[in-house]
Protein backbone atom coordinates (compact mmCIF):
# COMPACT_ATOMS: atom_id res chain seq x y z
CA UNK A 1 17.64 -10.39 14.45
CA UNK A 2 16.50 -12.34 11.38
CA UNK A 3 12.94 -13.61 10.92
CA UNK A 4 11.10 -15.33 8.09
CA UNK A 5 8.15 -13.67 6.37
CA UNK A 6 5.56 -16.20 7.60
CA UNK A 7 6.73 -15.96 11.22
CA UNK A 8 6.86 -12.16 11.01
CA UNK A 9 3.26 -12.07 9.77
CA UNK A 10 2.11 -14.53 12.43
CA UNK A 11 3.76 -12.67 15.31
CA UNK A 12 3.69 -9.09 14.01
CA UNK A 13 2.68 -7.41 17.28
CA UNK A 14 5.46 -9.10 19.23
CA UNK A 15 8.09 -8.17 16.66
CA UNK A 16 6.88 -4.56 16.59
CA UNK A 17 7.28 -4.41 20.37
CA UNK A 18 10.89 -5.51 19.92
CA UNK A 19 11.44 -2.80 17.30
CA UNK A 20 9.96 -0.18 19.65
CA UNK A 21 12.46 -1.37 22.24
CA UNK A 22 15.28 -0.54 19.81
CA UNK A 23 15.88 -3.79 17.96
CA UNK A 24 16.33 -4.00 14.17
CA UNK A 25 14.71 -6.90 12.32
CA UNK A 26 15.78 -8.35 8.98
CA UNK A 27 12.97 -10.14 7.21
CA UNK A 28 14.01 -13.00 4.92
CA UNK A 29 12.23 -15.02 2.27
CA UNK A 30 13.87 -18.35 1.47
CA UNK A 31 17.01 -17.15 3.28
CA UNK A 32 17.21 -14.00 1.12
CA UNK A 33 16.89 -10.66 2.98
CA UNK A 34 13.94 -8.68 1.62
CA UNK A 35 13.35 -5.95 4.18
CA UNK A 36 14.52 -4.36 7.41
CA UNK A 37 12.29 -3.01 10.15
CA UNK A 38 14.11 -0.37 12.16
CA UNK A 39 13.06 1.84 15.07
CA UNK A 40 12.07 5.38 14.18
CA UNK A 41 14.36 8.25 15.12
CA UNK A 42 11.90 9.52 17.76
CA UNK A 43 9.76 6.54 18.81
CA UNK A 44 7.89 8.28 21.62
CA UNK A 45 6.77 11.33 19.63
CA UNK A 46 3.21 11.14 18.32
CA UNK A 47 2.40 12.18 14.78
CA UNK A 48 0.73 15.56 14.50
CA UNK A 49 -2.46 15.57 12.47
CA UNK A 50 -3.22 18.85 10.77
CA UNK A 51 -6.74 19.79 9.78
CA UNK A 52 -7.54 19.75 6.09
CA UNK A 53 -6.86 23.03 4.34
CA UNK A 54 -9.60 22.49 1.76
CA UNK A 55 -12.95 20.78 1.82
CA UNK A 56 -13.51 17.98 -0.66
CA UNK A 57 -16.64 19.73 -1.92
CA UNK A 58 -14.55 22.79 -2.86
CA UNK A 59 -12.20 20.89 -5.17
CA UNK A 60 -13.23 21.28 -8.81
CA UNK A 61 -12.96 18.08 -10.79
CA UNK A 62 -12.33 17.95 -14.51
CA UNK A 63 -15.28 16.80 -16.60
CA UNK A 64 -15.52 13.06 -17.28
CA UNK A 65 -13.74 11.87 -20.40
CA UNK A 66 -15.83 10.99 -23.39
CA UNK A 67 -15.23 7.42 -24.53
CA UNK A 68 -13.16 7.32 -27.69
CA UNK A 69 -14.90 4.13 -28.77
CA UNK A 70 -18.33 2.70 -28.14
CA UNK A 71 -17.32 -0.44 -26.26
CA UNK A 72 -20.63 -2.18 -26.85
CA UNK A 73 -20.48 -1.54 -30.60
CA UNK A 74 -16.86 -2.79 -30.70
CA UNK A 75 -17.82 -5.97 -28.83
CA UNK A 76 -20.79 -6.64 -31.11
CA UNK A 77 -18.65 -6.04 -34.20
CA UNK A 78 -15.98 -8.45 -32.91
CA UNK A 79 -18.59 -11.13 -32.26
CA UNK A 80 -20.07 -10.66 -35.74
CA UNK A 81 -16.61 -11.16 -37.28
CA UNK A 82 -16.16 -14.44 -35.37
CA UNK A 83 -19.24 -16.01 -37.01
């Protein structure tokens, strides 16, 4: 089945129901195919969510980068040169 981008966006839920039922959609823009929406290999299987292995607080971040240039000084210098 072929559907235009605007219609696909407007009726997304209905088209996704058709894909769940096994249909493949080709999405076109100005009559040029841009994407295909196909059913997954196992449509009835739910995704398994695993718990996080590390806490965000335990991840060490690198120190912030020091600016290589003082942006305010560069801006002021540029404005002085324009006068």
